[in-house]
N, C-alpha and C. Protein backbone atom coordinates (compact mmCIF):
# COMPACT_ATOMS: atom_id res chain seq x y z
N UNK A 1 38.84 14.12 -9.04
CA UNK A 1 38.28 14.15 -7.76
C UNK A 1 36.73 14.47 -7.95
N UNK A 2 35.89 13.71 -7.12
CA UNK A 2 34.47 13.86 -7.20
C UNK A 2 33.96 14.95 -6.48
N UNK A 3 32.93 15.67 -6.72
CA UNK A 3 32.29 16.81 -6.14
C UNK A 3 31.75 16.23 -4.73
N UNK A 4 31.87 16.99 -3.71
CA UNK A 4 31.31 16.67 -2.42
C UNK A 4 29.90 16.95 -2.28
N UNK A 5 29.39 18.01 -2.87
CA UNK A 5 27.91 18.49 -2.81
C UNK A 5 27.12 17.40 -3.45
N UNK A 6 26.16 16.88 -2.80
CA UNK A 6 25.40 15.79 -3.51
C UNK A 6 24.81 16.29 -4.90
N UNK A 7 24.17 17.61 -4.97
CA UNK A 7 23.68 17.95 -6.29
C UNK A 7 24.71 18.10 -7.31
N UNK A 8 25.82 18.63 -6.94
CA UNK A 8 26.91 18.55 -7.94
C UNK A 8 27.44 17.23 -8.25
N UNK A 9 27.50 16.39 -7.39
CA UNK A 9 27.84 14.91 -7.63
C UNK A 9 26.81 14.26 -8.57
N UNK A 10 25.42 14.56 -8.31
CA UNK A 10 24.51 14.05 -9.19
C UNK A 10 24.70 14.39 -10.67
N UNK A 11 24.90 15.82 -10.85
CA UNK A 11 25.10 16.23 -12.13
C UNK A 11 26.32 15.63 -12.77
N UNK A 12 27.46 15.62 -12.06
CA UNK A 12 28.69 14.98 -12.48
C UNK A 12 28.43 13.48 -12.96
N UNK A 13 27.98 12.69 -11.99
CA UNK A 13 27.80 11.43 -12.32
C UNK A 13 26.90 10.99 -13.51
N UNK A 14 25.83 11.78 -13.51
CA UNK A 14 24.90 11.44 -14.63
C UNK A 14 25.61 11.94 -16.03
N UNK A 15 26.25 12.93 -16.06
CA UNK A 15 27.01 13.36 -17.21
C UNK A 15 28.13 12.32 -17.65
N UNK A 16 28.71 11.95 -16.67
CA UNK A 16 29.79 10.78 -16.83
C UNK A 16 29.15 9.54 -17.40
N UNK A 17 28.12 9.10 -16.70
CA UNK A 17 27.34 7.95 -17.20
C UNK A 17 26.86 8.04 -18.56
N UNK A 18 26.34 9.15 -18.89
CA UNK A 18 25.78 9.32 -20.26
C UNK A 18 26.81 9.43 -21.34
N UNK A 19 27.90 10.09 -20.94
CA UNK A 19 28.95 10.25 -22.07
C UNK A 19 30.04 9.17 -22.16
N UNK A 20 30.28 8.58 -20.95
CA UNK A 20 31.63 7.65 -21.01
C UNK A 20 31.54 6.33 -20.44
N UNK A 21 30.47 6.05 -19.71
CA UNK A 21 30.43 4.70 -18.97
C UNK A 21 29.25 3.91 -19.27
N UNK A 22 29.28 2.62 -19.53
CA UNK A 22 28.10 1.83 -19.82
C UNK A 22 27.34 1.41 -18.65
N UNK A 23 27.88 1.50 -17.46
CA UNK A 23 27.04 1.32 -16.27
C UNK A 23 27.71 1.87 -15.05
N UNK A 24 27.14 1.88 -13.83
CA UNK A 24 27.65 2.44 -12.64
C UNK A 24 28.84 1.59 -12.23
N UNK A 25 29.03 0.35 -12.40
CA UNK A 25 30.08 -0.40 -11.97
C UNK A 25 31.39 0.18 -12.70
N UNK A 26 31.36 0.49 -13.97
CA UNK A 26 32.51 1.03 -14.63
C UNK A 26 32.88 2.53 -14.20
N UNK A 27 31.82 3.23 -13.89
CA UNK A 27 32.10 4.58 -13.39
C UNK A 27 32.81 4.49 -12.01
N UNK A 28 32.28 3.64 -11.20
CA UNK A 28 32.99 3.62 -9.82
C UNK A 28 34.30 3.00 -9.87
N UNK A 29 34.50 2.11 -10.74
CA UNK A 29 35.84 1.56 -10.87
C UNK A 29 36.86 2.53 -11.30
N UNK A 30 36.45 3.35 -12.32
CA UNK A 30 37.37 4.38 -12.79
C UNK A 30 37.73 5.42 -11.77
N UNK A 31 36.75 5.83 -10.97
CA UNK A 31 36.91 6.76 -9.96
C UNK A 31 37.26 6.28 -8.46
N UNK A 32 37.45 4.92 -8.58
CA UNK A 32 37.85 4.26 -7.25
C UNK A 32 37.11 4.60 -6.02
N UNK A 33 35.69 4.48 -6.40
CA UNK A 33 34.79 4.50 -5.26
C UNK A 33 33.85 3.26 -5.18
N UNK A 34 33.09 3.22 -4.15
CA UNK A 34 32.28 2.11 -4.03
C UNK A 34 30.85 2.52 -4.56
N UNK A 35 30.06 1.50 -5.14
CA UNK A 35 28.70 1.85 -5.37
C UNK A 35 27.89 2.26 -4.24
N UNK A 36 28.14 1.61 -3.11
CA UNK A 36 27.58 1.97 -1.85
C UNK A 36 27.78 3.48 -1.53
N UNK A 37 28.97 3.93 -1.70
CA UNK A 37 29.18 5.33 -1.30
C UNK A 37 28.35 6.29 -2.21
N UNK A 38 28.44 6.19 -3.48
CA UNK A 38 27.78 7.12 -4.34
C UNK A 38 26.23 6.97 -4.16
N UNK A 39 25.74 5.78 -4.04
CA UNK A 39 24.25 5.57 -3.95
C UNK A 39 23.76 6.05 -2.71
N UNK A 40 24.53 5.95 -1.51
CA UNK A 40 24.11 6.47 -0.29
C UNK A 40 24.17 8.14 -0.28
N UNK A 41 25.12 8.68 -0.84
CA UNK A 41 25.23 10.09 -0.92
C UNK A 41 23.99 10.58 -1.77
N UNK A 42 23.74 10.04 -2.91
CA UNK A 42 22.63 10.50 -3.78
C UNK A 42 21.25 10.14 -3.21
N UNK A 43 21.21 9.15 -2.38
CA UNK A 43 19.94 8.74 -1.67
C UNK A 43 19.50 9.82 -0.81
N UNK A 44 20.53 10.65 -0.16
CA UNK A 44 20.17 11.67 0.66
C UNK A 44 19.38 12.83 0.05
N UNK A 45 19.53 12.85 -1.31
CA UNK A 45 18.58 13.87 -2.09
C UNK A 45 17.64 13.23 -2.93
N UNK A 46 17.27 11.96 -2.36
CA UNK A 46 16.14 11.31 -3.06
C UNK A 46 16.36 10.82 -4.46
N UNK A 47 17.66 10.49 -4.81
CA UNK A 47 17.91 9.95 -6.21
C UNK A 47 18.39 8.49 -5.98
N UNK A 48 18.06 7.60 -6.91
CA UNK A 48 18.49 6.23 -6.98
C UNK A 48 18.94 5.87 -8.39
N UNK A 49 19.92 4.96 -8.48
CA UNK A 49 20.36 4.63 -9.81
C UNK A 49 19.31 3.75 -10.41
N UNK A 50 19.14 4.03 -11.73
CA UNK A 50 18.26 3.19 -12.57
C UNK A 50 19.21 2.52 -13.60
N UNK A 51 19.29 1.18 -13.61
CA UNK A 51 20.14 0.54 -14.52
C UNK A 51 19.70 0.54 -15.99
N UNK A 52 18.44 0.53 -16.17
CA UNK A 52 17.79 0.47 -17.53
C UNK A 52 18.20 1.86 -18.10
N UNK A 53 18.09 3.02 -17.47
CA UNK A 53 18.41 4.31 -17.95
C UNK A 53 19.82 4.61 -17.88
N UNK A 54 20.60 3.92 -17.00
CA UNK A 54 22.06 4.21 -16.81
C UNK A 54 22.18 5.78 -16.22
N UNK A 55 21.30 5.94 -15.27
CA UNK A 55 21.43 7.37 -14.68
C UNK A 55 20.71 7.30 -13.34
N UNK A 56 21.10 8.35 -12.52
CA UNK A 56 20.21 8.55 -11.14
C UNK A 56 19.09 9.29 -11.46
N UNK A 57 17.90 8.78 -10.91
CA UNK A 57 16.63 9.51 -11.26
C UNK A 57 15.93 9.57 -9.87
């Protein structure tokens, strides 16, 4: 289950992306969420996904 708090979600997502997933698509597929959902939640705290770095910055 994913954290509901945006800051906790940011930390969780970036850790998972760093350690286990080659890209956001693979992360979202594994957790059965849409890219739109996670990007919109993290945009509320001014973070966007950087494909080159494979993390939210």
